[in-house]
Amino acid sequence: MKILALGASSNKNSINKTLAKYAASLIEGAYVDILDLNDFELPIYSEDREKEIGQPKLAQNFIAKMNGADAVIVSFAEHNGTYTVAFKNILDWASRISRSVYQNKPVIFLATSSGPGGASSVLNTALQSAQFLGAIVKGSLSVPSFYENFDLSTQQPTNPQIQNELNSIVKSLTNHIGEKHV
């Protein structure tokens, strides 16, 4: 089983990448491919730019990574209540190659921030657009106050309720994958 995990942020020390990586680690026996959005840096999308340069190889590579996965885990960082520019840009480019960016894969959507909102606004945006982007959402979770609920030295949640919720949504993802491979 191949899991694609990414933090929807260009921050090299992204807490969302940490959360996505942790959630993926809960899937026993899975091969986990952790994407770094910095590896998919493209010019800002516009129709004019697309006419000029076509479909960039990096956007094609992003879609290929999605296509090659059995399931996807995304943890969204929030900038001013919505997607980060880095994620929105690759989403825009990739959707021009395949409207079904998530390639009709089962996904888990997570979000976290250092504050009490836990990036819940962007998580809600992602959940609302999921069906239009080919995501089969098997679970979602907003983790508030990341540094109070996650120990970076052990790379694990410190809050038992958050741990239980993560276990539950990861289980729903693996159950879905198991059904598809029977």
N, C-alpha and C. Protein backbone atom coordinates (compact mmCIF):
# COMPACT_ATOMS: atom_id res chain seq x y z
N MET A 1 0.84 -1.16 0.00
CA MET A 1 0.00 0.00 0.00
C MET A 1 0.89 1.24 0.00
N LYS A 2 0.58 2.18 -0.89
CA LYS A 2 1.38 3.40 -1.02
C LYS A 2 0.55 4.60 -0.58
N ILE A 3 1.07 5.33 0.40
CA ILE A 3 0.42 6.51 0.95
C ILE A 3 1.21 7.75 0.55
N LEU A 4 0.52 8.73 0.02
CA LEU A 4 1.12 10.02 -0.30
C LEU A 4 0.73 10.99 0.80
N ALA A 5 1.71 11.60 1.44
CA ALA A 5 1.44 12.54 2.53
C ALA A 5 2.09 13.88 2.22
N LEU A 6 1.35 14.96 2.50
CA LEU A 6 1.94 16.28 2.31
C LEU A 6 1.35 17.29 3.26
N GLY A 7 2.20 18.21 3.64
CA GLY A 7 1.78 19.39 4.37
C GLY A 7 1.60 20.48 3.33
N ALA A 8 0.42 21.08 3.28
CA ALA A 8 0.11 22.06 2.24
C ALA A 8 0.69 23.42 2.60
N SER A 9 2.00 23.44 2.70
CA SER A 9 2.75 24.63 3.10
C SER A 9 4.14 24.57 2.48
N SER A 10 4.71 25.73 2.23
CA SER A 10 6.09 25.77 1.72
C SER A 10 7.10 25.96 2.85
N ASN A 11 6.63 26.04 4.08
CA ASN A 11 7.52 26.18 5.23
C ASN A 11 8.36 24.91 5.38
N LYS A 12 9.66 25.06 5.39
CA LYS A 12 10.55 23.90 5.49
C LYS A 12 10.36 23.13 6.81
N ASN A 13 9.92 23.83 7.86
CA ASN A 13 9.67 23.21 9.16
C ASN A 13 8.18 23.17 9.45
N SER A 14 7.39 22.86 8.45
CA SER A 14 5.94 22.90 8.55
C SER A 14 5.39 21.94 9.59
N ILE A 15 4.57 22.48 10.50
CA ILE A 15 3.90 21.62 11.46
C ILE A 15 2.84 20.77 10.76
N ASN A 16 2.33 21.26 9.65
CA ASN A 16 1.36 20.47 8.89
C ASN A 16 2.03 19.28 8.21
N LYS A 17 3.24 19.46 7.75
CA LYS A 17 3.98 18.32 7.19
C LYS A 17 4.26 17.30 8.29
N THR A 18 4.60 17.79 9.49
CA THR A 18 4.84 16.92 10.63
C THR A 18 3.58 16.11 10.95
N LEU A 19 2.43 16.79 10.95
CA LEU A 19 1.17 16.11 11.27
C LEU A 19 0.82 15.07 10.19
N ALA A 20 0.97 15.43 8.93
CA ALA A 20 0.67 14.48 7.84
C ALA A 20 1.59 13.27 7.91
N LYS A 21 2.86 13.53 8.18
CA LYS A 21 3.83 12.44 8.27
C LYS A 21 3.48 11.51 9.45
N TYR A 22 3.09 12.10 10.57
CA TYR A 22 2.72 11.29 11.72
C TYR A 22 1.49 10.43 11.41
N ALA A 23 0.47 11.04 10.82
CA ALA A 23 -0.75 10.28 10.48
C ALA A 23 -0.41 9.12 9.55
N ALA A 24 0.45 9.36 8.58
CA ALA A 24 0.86 8.29 7.65
C ALA A 24 1.61 7.18 8.38
N SER A 25 2.37 7.55 9.40
CA SER A 25 3.14 6.54 10.14
C SER A 25 2.25 5.58 10.90
N LEU A 26 1.00 5.93 11.09
CA LEU A 26 0.06 5.05 11.80
C LEU A 26 -0.42 3.89 10.94
N ILE A 27 -0.11 3.93 9.65
CA ILE A 27 -0.56 2.88 8.74
C ILE A 27 0.55 1.83 8.64
N GLU A 28 0.34 0.71 9.29
CA GLU A 28 1.35 -0.35 9.34
C GLU A 28 1.59 -0.95 7.96
N GLY A 29 2.86 -1.14 7.64
CA GLY A 29 3.25 -1.80 6.41
C GLY A 29 3.12 -0.96 5.16
N ALA A 30 2.79 0.30 5.30
CA ALA A 30 2.62 1.16 4.12
C ALA A 30 3.95 1.77 3.70
N TYR A 31 4.10 1.95 2.39
CA TYR A 31 5.18 2.77 1.87
C TYR A 31 4.64 4.19 1.86
N VAL A 32 5.37 5.11 2.49
CA VAL A 32 4.91 6.50 2.59
C VAL A 32 5.83 7.39 1.78
N ASP A 33 5.23 8.13 0.86
CA ASP A 33 5.93 9.12 0.04
C ASP A 33 5.53 10.48 0.57
N ILE A 34 6.48 11.20 1.16
CA ILE A 34 6.19 12.51 1.74
C ILE A 34 6.60 13.59 0.74
N LEU A 35 5.61 14.34 0.28
CA LEU A 35 5.88 15.40 -0.69
C LEU A 35 6.23 16.70 0.02
N ASP A 36 7.13 17.44 -0.59
CA ASP A 36 7.49 18.77 -0.15
C ASP A 36 7.03 19.72 -1.24
N LEU A 37 6.13 20.64 -0.90
CA LEU A 37 5.62 21.58 -1.92
C LEU A 37 6.73 22.42 -2.55
N ASN A 38 7.84 22.56 -1.86
CA ASN A 38 8.96 23.31 -2.43
C ASN A 38 9.53 22.62 -3.66
N ASP A 39 9.26 21.34 -3.81
CA ASP A 39 9.72 20.60 -5.00
C ASP A 39 8.80 20.82 -6.19
N PHE A 40 7.71 21.57 -5.98
CA PHE A 40 6.73 21.81 -7.04
C PHE A 40 6.49 23.31 -7.23
N GLU A 41 7.53 24.09 -7.03
CA GLU A 41 7.40 25.54 -7.15
C GLU A 41 7.29 25.94 -8.62
N LEU A 42 6.21 26.64 -8.92
CA LEU A 42 5.90 27.05 -10.29
C LEU A 42 5.56 28.53 -10.33
N PRO A 43 5.58 29.11 -11.53
CA PRO A 43 5.11 30.50 -11.64
C PRO A 43 3.63 30.56 -11.22
N ILE A 44 3.18 31.70 -10.78
CA ILE A 44 1.79 31.86 -10.40
C ILE A 44 0.90 31.53 -11.61
N TYR A 45 -0.11 30.69 -11.38
CA TYR A 45 -0.97 30.26 -12.47
C TYR A 45 -1.80 31.42 -13.03
N SER A 46 -1.89 31.45 -14.34
CA SER A 46 -2.86 32.30 -15.04
C SER A 46 -3.10 31.67 -16.41
N GLU A 47 -4.23 31.96 -17.01
CA GLU A 47 -4.52 31.41 -18.34
C GLU A 47 -3.47 31.89 -19.34
N ASP A 48 -3.06 33.14 -19.22
CA ASP A 48 -2.03 33.67 -20.13
C ASP A 48 -0.73 32.88 -19.99
N ARG A 49 -0.35 32.61 -18.73
CA ARG A 49 0.89 31.86 -18.49
C ARG A 49 0.78 30.45 -19.05
N GLU A 50 -0.39 29.83 -18.87
CA GLU A 50 -0.59 28.49 -19.39
C GLU A 50 -0.48 28.46 -20.92
N LYS A 51 -1.04 29.47 -21.58
CA LYS A 51 -0.93 29.55 -23.05
C LYS A 51 0.53 29.72 -23.46
N GLU A 52 1.28 30.42 -22.64
CA GLU A 52 2.69 30.71 -22.93
C GLU A 52 3.59 29.49 -22.73
N ILE A 53 3.40 28.78 -21.61
CA ILE A 53 4.34 27.70 -21.28
C ILE A 53 3.73 26.30 -21.32
N GLY A 54 2.40 26.22 -21.47
CA GLY A 54 1.76 24.91 -21.48
C GLY A 54 1.63 24.34 -20.08
N GLN A 55 1.60 23.04 -19.99
CA GLN A 55 1.45 22.37 -18.70
C GLN A 55 2.84 21.98 -18.18
N PRO A 56 3.30 22.67 -17.13
CA PRO A 56 4.65 22.43 -16.63
C PRO A 56 4.88 21.00 -16.16
N LYS A 57 6.08 20.55 -16.33
CA LYS A 57 6.49 19.20 -15.92
C LYS A 57 6.25 18.97 -14.43
N LEU A 58 6.49 19.99 -13.60
CA LEU A 58 6.29 19.83 -12.16
C LEU A 58 4.82 19.57 -11.83
N ALA A 59 3.91 20.22 -12.53
CA ALA A 59 2.48 19.97 -12.31
C ALA A 59 2.13 18.56 -12.78
N GLN A 60 2.71 18.13 -13.88
CA GLN A 60 2.50 16.77 -14.36
C GLN A 60 3.03 15.75 -13.35
N ASN A 61 4.19 16.06 -12.77
CA ASN A 61 4.78 15.19 -11.74
C ASN A 61 3.88 15.09 -10.51
N PHE A 62 3.27 16.21 -10.14
CA PHE A 62 2.37 16.24 -8.98
C PHE A 62 1.18 15.31 -9.23
N ILE A 63 0.56 15.42 -10.39
CA ILE A 63 -0.56 14.55 -10.75
C ILE A 63 -0.11 13.09 -10.79
N ALA A 64 1.07 12.84 -11.32
CA ALA A 64 1.59 11.47 -11.38
C ALA A 64 1.76 10.90 -9.97
N LYS A 65 2.23 11.71 -9.02
CA LYS A 65 2.38 11.26 -7.63
C LYS A 65 1.01 10.89 -7.05
N MET A 66 0.02 11.73 -7.31
CA MET A 66 -1.34 11.44 -6.84
C MET A 66 -1.84 10.14 -7.46
N ASN A 67 -1.63 9.99 -8.74
CA ASN A 67 -2.11 8.82 -9.47
C ASN A 67 -1.44 7.53 -8.96
N GLY A 68 -0.19 7.62 -8.55
CA GLY A 68 0.55 6.44 -8.10
C GLY A 68 0.27 6.01 -6.68
N ALA A 69 -0.50 6.81 -5.95
CA ALA A 69 -0.79 6.49 -4.55
C ALA A 69 -2.07 5.69 -4.42
N ASP A 70 -2.15 4.90 -3.35
CA ASP A 70 -3.40 4.22 -3.00
C ASP A 70 -4.30 5.13 -2.18
N ALA A 71 -3.69 6.05 -1.43
CA ALA A 71 -4.44 6.98 -0.59
C ALA A 71 -3.57 8.22 -0.35
N VAL A 72 -4.22 9.30 0.05
CA VAL A 72 -3.54 10.58 0.24
C VAL A 72 -3.91 11.16 1.60
N ILE A 73 -2.89 11.70 2.27
CA ILE A 73 -3.10 12.43 3.52
C ILE A 73 -2.56 13.84 3.30
N VAL A 74 -3.43 14.84 3.49
CA VAL A 74 -3.02 16.23 3.35
C VAL A 74 -3.32 16.94 4.65
N SER A 75 -2.35 17.70 5.13
CA SER A 75 -2.57 18.57 6.28
C SER A 75 -2.38 20.00 5.81
N PHE A 76 -3.44 20.79 5.97
CA PHE A 76 -3.49 22.15 5.41
C PHE A 76 -3.03 23.20 6.41
N ALA A 77 -2.08 24.01 5.97
CA ALA A 77 -1.72 25.22 6.69
C ALA A 77 -2.70 26.30 6.25
N GLU A 78 -2.92 27.26 7.12
CA GLU A 78 -3.89 28.31 6.81
C GLU A 78 -3.21 29.67 6.76
N HIS A 79 -3.40 30.34 5.66
CA HIS A 79 -2.93 31.72 5.52
C HIS A 79 -4.15 32.61 5.30
N ASN A 80 -4.42 33.47 6.25
CA ASN A 80 -5.56 34.39 6.16
C ASN A 80 -6.87 33.65 5.89
N GLY A 81 -7.04 32.51 6.52
CA GLY A 81 -8.29 31.78 6.45
C GLY A 81 -8.44 30.85 5.26
N THR A 82 -7.42 30.71 4.44
CA THR A 82 -7.56 29.87 3.26
C THR A 82 -6.23 29.15 2.97
N TYR A 83 -6.18 28.50 1.79
CA TYR A 83 -4.97 27.77 1.40
C TYR A 83 -3.74 28.67 1.36
N THR A 84 -2.59 28.08 1.58
CA THR A 84 -1.34 28.80 1.35
C THR A 84 -1.21 29.03 -0.15
N VAL A 85 -0.47 30.05 -0.53
CA VAL A 85 -0.26 30.34 -1.95
C VAL A 85 0.43 29.17 -2.64
N ALA A 86 1.38 28.55 -1.96
CA ALA A 86 2.11 27.42 -2.55
C ALA A 86 1.17 26.28 -2.91
N PHE A 87 0.24 25.95 -2.00
CA PHE A 87 -0.68 24.86 -2.29
C PHE A 87 -1.69 25.26 -3.35
N LYS A 88 -2.26 26.44 -3.22
CA LYS A 88 -3.27 26.89 -4.19
C LYS A 88 -2.69 26.93 -5.59
N ASN A 89 -1.45 27.33 -5.72
CA ASN A 89 -0.82 27.42 -7.04
C ASN A 89 -0.64 26.03 -7.67
N ILE A 90 -0.13 25.06 -6.92
CA ILE A 90 0.03 23.72 -7.50
C ILE A 90 -1.35 23.11 -7.77
N LEU A 91 -2.32 23.40 -6.93
CA LEU A 91 -3.68 22.93 -7.15
C LEU A 91 -4.24 23.50 -8.47
N ASP A 92 -4.01 24.78 -8.70
CA ASP A 92 -4.48 25.41 -9.95
C ASP A 92 -3.81 24.81 -11.17
N TRP A 93 -2.50 24.66 -11.13
CA TRP A 93 -1.78 24.07 -12.26
C TRP A 93 -2.21 22.61 -12.49
N ALA A 94 -2.26 21.85 -11.41
CA ALA A 94 -2.59 20.42 -11.53
C ALA A 94 -4.01 20.22 -12.05
N SER A 95 -4.93 21.07 -11.64
CA SER A 95 -6.32 20.91 -12.06
C SER A 95 -6.50 21.20 -13.56
N ARG A 96 -5.53 21.85 -14.17
CA ARG A 96 -5.59 22.07 -15.62
C ARG A 96 -5.16 20.82 -16.38
N ILE A 97 -4.42 19.96 -15.71
CA ILE A 97 -4.01 18.68 -16.31
C ILE A 97 -5.11 17.64 -16.08
N SER A 98 -5.61 17.60 -14.85
CA SER A 98 -6.68 16.68 -14.49
C SER A 98 -7.57 17.37 -13.47
N ARG A 99 -8.80 17.60 -13.83
CA ARG A 99 -9.74 18.24 -12.89
C ARG A 99 -9.82 17.43 -11.60
N SER A 100 -9.63 16.14 -11.72
CA SER A 100 -9.65 15.23 -10.58
C SER A 100 -8.24 15.16 -9.98
N VAL A 101 -7.83 16.24 -9.34
CA VAL A 101 -6.46 16.33 -8.81
C VAL A 101 -6.13 15.16 -7.90
N TYR A 102 -7.07 14.78 -7.04
CA TYR A 102 -6.82 13.68 -6.10
C TYR A 102 -7.03 12.30 -6.73
N GLN A 103 -7.36 12.27 -8.01
CA GLN A 103 -7.44 11.04 -8.79
C GLN A 103 -8.41 10.01 -8.22
N ASN A 104 -9.49 10.52 -7.61
CA ASN A 104 -10.52 9.66 -7.02
C ASN A 104 -9.95 8.67 -6.00
N LYS A 105 -8.99 9.16 -5.24
CA LYS A 105 -8.36 8.37 -4.17
C LYS A 105 -9.02 8.68 -2.84
N PRO A 106 -8.99 7.72 -1.91
CA PRO A 106 -9.43 8.03 -0.55
C PRO A 106 -8.41 8.97 0.09
N VAL A 107 -8.92 9.96 0.79
CA VAL A 107 -8.06 10.96 1.42
C VAL A 107 -8.46 11.19 2.87
N ILE A 108 -7.49 11.66 3.61
CA ILE A 108 -7.72 12.23 4.94
C ILE A 108 -7.25 13.67 4.85
N PHE A 109 -8.10 14.59 5.29
CA PHE A 109 -7.74 16.00 5.35
C PHE A 109 -7.54 16.39 6.81
N LEU A 110 -6.38 16.91 7.10
CA LEU A 110 -6.03 17.40 8.43
C LEU A 110 -5.69 18.89 8.31
N ALA A 111 -5.63 19.55 9.44
CA ALA A 111 -5.17 20.94 9.48
C ALA A 111 -4.72 21.23 10.90
N THR A 112 -3.72 22.07 11.00
CA THR A 112 -3.28 22.50 12.33
C THR A 112 -2.66 23.88 12.23
N SER A 113 -2.59 24.52 13.39
CA SER A 113 -1.93 25.81 13.50
C SER A 113 -1.46 25.96 14.95
N SER A 114 -0.71 26.99 15.19
CA SER A 114 -0.25 27.21 16.55
C SER A 114 -1.35 27.79 17.44
N GLY A 115 -2.42 28.27 16.83
CA GLY A 115 -3.50 28.88 17.59
C GLY A 115 -4.67 27.95 17.84
N PRO A 116 -5.66 28.44 18.59
CA PRO A 116 -6.80 27.61 18.99
C PRO A 116 -7.75 27.24 17.85
N GLY A 117 -7.67 27.93 16.72
CA GLY A 117 -8.55 27.62 15.59
C GLY A 117 -8.15 26.38 14.82
N GLY A 118 -6.89 25.98 14.95
CA GLY A 118 -6.42 24.75 14.29
C GLY A 118 -6.56 24.75 12.79
N ALA A 119 -6.55 25.93 12.17
CA ALA A 119 -6.68 26.06 10.71
C ALA A 119 -7.99 25.46 10.21
N SER A 120 -9.03 25.57 11.03
CA SER A 120 -10.32 24.98 10.68
C SER A 120 -10.98 25.65 9.48
N SER A 121 -10.69 26.91 9.23
CA SER A 121 -11.29 27.59 8.07
C SER A 121 -10.82 26.97 6.76
N VAL A 122 -9.52 26.75 6.64
CA VAL A 122 -9.01 26.15 5.40
C VAL A 122 -9.44 24.69 5.29
N LEU A 123 -9.55 24.00 6.40
CA LEU A 123 -10.03 22.62 6.38
C LEU A 123 -11.45 22.56 5.83
N ASN A 124 -12.29 23.49 6.27
CA ASN A 124 -13.66 23.55 5.76
C ASN A 124 -13.68 23.85 4.26
N THR A 125 -12.81 24.74 3.81
CA THR A 125 -12.71 25.04 2.38
C THR A 125 -12.33 23.79 1.61
N ALA A 126 -11.33 23.06 2.10
CA ALA A 126 -10.87 21.84 1.43
C ALA A 126 -11.99 20.80 1.38
N LEU A 127 -12.73 20.66 2.46
CA LEU A 127 -13.83 19.69 2.49
C LEU A 127 -14.94 20.06 1.51
N GLN A 128 -15.22 21.35 1.38
CA GLN A 128 -16.26 21.79 0.45
C GLN A 128 -15.87 21.56 -1.01
N SER A 129 -14.59 21.67 -1.31
CA SER A 129 -14.16 21.52 -2.71
C SER A 129 -13.73 20.10 -3.06
N ALA A 130 -13.65 19.23 -2.07
CA ALA A 130 -13.11 17.87 -2.26
C ALA A 130 -13.80 17.12 -3.39
N GLN A 131 -15.11 17.14 -3.42
CA GLN A 131 -15.84 16.35 -4.42
C GLN A 131 -15.56 16.84 -5.84
N PHE A 132 -15.23 18.11 -6.00
CA PHE A 132 -14.96 18.66 -7.32
C PHE A 132 -13.53 18.37 -7.78
N LEU A 133 -12.70 17.91 -6.84
CA LEU A 133 -11.28 17.66 -7.14
C LEU A 133 -10.93 16.18 -7.06
N GLY A 134 -11.93 15.32 -7.04
CA GLY A 134 -11.69 13.88 -7.07
C GLY A 134 -11.18 13.30 -5.77
N ALA A 135 -11.57 13.88 -4.64
CA ALA A 135 -11.16 13.36 -3.33
C ALA A 135 -12.31 12.60 -2.70
N ILE A 136 -12.03 11.40 -2.25
CA ILE A 136 -13.01 10.61 -1.50
C ILE A 136 -12.60 10.73 -0.03
N VAL A 137 -13.20 11.67 0.66
CA VAL A 137 -12.78 12.01 2.03
C VAL A 137 -13.25 10.94 3.00
N LYS A 138 -12.29 10.31 3.66
CA LYS A 138 -12.57 9.26 4.64
C LYS A 138 -12.51 9.78 6.07
N GLY A 139 -12.03 11.00 6.24
CA GLY A 139 -11.98 11.59 7.57
C GLY A 139 -11.27 12.92 7.53
N SER A 140 -11.55 13.73 8.55
CA SER A 140 -10.88 15.02 8.66
C SER A 140 -10.73 15.38 10.13
N LEU A 141 -9.73 16.19 10.40
CA LEU A 141 -9.47 16.59 11.78
C LEU A 141 -8.69 17.90 11.80
N SER A 142 -9.17 18.82 12.62
CA SER A 142 -8.44 20.06 12.90
C SER A 142 -7.78 19.90 14.27
N VAL A 143 -6.49 20.15 14.30
CA VAL A 143 -5.73 20.04 15.56
C VAL A 143 -5.39 21.45 16.04
N PRO A 144 -6.05 21.91 17.10
CA PRO A 144 -5.76 23.25 17.60
C PRO A 144 -4.45 23.30 18.38
N SER A 145 -3.92 24.49 18.51
CA SER A 145 -2.76 24.74 19.38
C SER A 145 -1.72 23.62 19.27
N PHE A 146 -1.17 23.46 18.08
CA PHE A 146 -0.29 22.34 17.77
C PHE A 146 0.79 22.11 18.82
N TYR A 147 1.48 23.16 19.22
CA TYR A 147 2.62 23.00 20.13
C TYR A 147 2.19 22.57 21.54
N GLU A 148 0.92 22.75 21.86
CA GLU A 148 0.40 22.29 23.15
C GLU A 148 -0.11 20.84 23.06
N ASN A 149 -0.35 20.37 21.85
CA ASN A 149 -0.95 19.05 21.66
C ASN A 149 -0.07 18.05 20.93
N PHE A 150 1.15 18.45 20.61
CA PHE A 150 2.06 17.58 19.87
C PHE A 150 3.47 17.81 20.38
N ASP A 151 4.17 16.74 20.68
CA ASP A 151 5.55 16.82 21.17
C ASP A 151 6.50 16.63 19.99
N LEU A 152 7.19 17.68 19.61
CA LEU A 152 8.10 17.60 18.46
C LEU A 152 9.28 16.68 18.72
N SER A 153 9.69 16.53 19.98
CA SER A 153 10.84 15.67 20.25
C SER A 153 10.49 14.19 20.06
N THR A 154 9.26 13.80 20.38
CA THR A 154 8.85 12.41 20.19
C THR A 154 8.07 12.21 18.89
N GLN A 155 7.70 13.33 18.25
CA GLN A 155 6.92 13.30 17.00
C GLN A 155 5.58 12.59 17.19
N GLN A 156 4.92 12.88 18.34
CA GLN A 156 3.64 12.25 18.66
C GLN A 156 2.72 13.24 19.37
N PRO A 157 1.41 13.05 19.22
CA PRO A 157 0.47 13.87 19.97
C PRO A 157 0.60 13.62 21.47
N THR A 158 0.36 14.65 22.24
CA THR A 158 0.36 14.52 23.70
C THR A 158 -1.07 14.49 24.24
N ASN A 159 -2.02 14.83 23.40
CA ASN A 159 -3.42 14.87 23.78
C ASN A 159 -4.08 13.55 23.39
N PRO A 160 -4.53 12.77 24.37
CA PRO A 160 -5.13 11.46 24.07
C PRO A 160 -6.35 11.54 23.15
N GLN A 161 -7.16 12.58 23.29
CA GLN A 161 -8.34 12.72 22.43
C GLN A 161 -7.93 12.90 20.97
N ILE A 162 -6.91 13.72 20.72
CA ILE A 162 -6.42 13.92 19.36
C ILE A 162 -5.84 12.61 18.83
N GLN A 163 -5.09 11.90 19.66
CA GLN A 163 -4.53 10.61 19.26
C GLN A 163 -5.64 9.64 18.87
N ASN A 164 -6.68 9.57 19.66
CA ASN A 164 -7.80 8.67 19.37
C ASN A 164 -8.51 9.06 18.07
N GLU A 165 -8.71 10.35 17.85
CA GLU A 165 -9.37 10.80 16.62
C GLU A 165 -8.50 10.50 15.39
N LEU A 166 -7.20 10.70 15.51
CA LEU A 166 -6.30 10.36 14.40
C LEU A 166 -6.34 8.86 14.12
N ASN A 167 -6.27 8.06 15.16
CA ASN A 167 -6.34 6.60 14.98
C ASN A 167 -7.63 6.21 14.26
N SER A 168 -8.72 6.83 14.64
CA SER A 168 -10.01 6.50 14.05
C SER A 168 -10.08 6.86 12.56
N ILE A 169 -9.62 8.04 12.20
CA ILE A 169 -9.72 8.41 10.77
C ILE A 169 -8.71 7.65 9.93
N VAL A 170 -7.55 7.34 10.49
CA VAL A 170 -6.58 6.52 9.75
C VAL A 170 -7.17 5.12 9.54
N LYS A 171 -7.85 4.61 10.54
CA LYS A 171 -8.48 3.29 10.40
C LYS A 171 -9.54 3.32 9.30
N SER A 172 -10.31 4.40 9.22
CA SER A 172 -11.33 4.47 8.17
C SER A 172 -10.68 4.53 6.79
N LEU A 173 -9.51 5.13 6.71
CA LEU A 173 -8.77 5.17 5.44
C LEU A 173 -8.26 3.79 5.08
N THR A 174 -7.65 3.10 6.03
CA THR A 174 -7.10 1.77 5.72
C THR A 174 -8.21 0.76 5.46
N ASN A 175 -9.36 0.91 6.13
CA ASN A 175 -10.49 0.03 5.84
C ASN A 175 -10.96 0.21 4.40
N HIS A 176 -10.99 1.45 3.95
CA HIS A 176 -11.41 1.73 2.56
C HIS A 176 -10.42 1.12 1.57
N ILE A 177 -9.13 1.28 1.84
CA ILE A 177 -8.11 0.73 0.95
C ILE A 177 -8.23 -0.78 0.93
N GLY A 178 -8.43 -1.41 2.11
CA GLY A 178 -8.58 -2.86 2.19
C GLY A 178 -9.75 -3.37 1.37
N GLU A 179 -10.86 -2.62 1.39
CA GLU A 179 -12.03 -3.00 0.61
C GLU A 179 -11.72 -2.99 -0.88
N LYS A 180 -10.94 -2.01 -1.30
CA LYS A 180 -10.63 -1.85 -2.72
C LYS A 180 -9.69 -2.95 -3.22
N HIS A 181 -8.88 -3.54 -2.33
CA HIS A 181 -7.87 -4.53 -2.72
C HIS A 181 -8.33 -5.97 -2.50
N VAL A 182 -9.54 -6.15 -2.01
CA VAL A 182 -10.05 -7.50 -1.74
C VAL A 182 -10.38 -8.20 -3.05
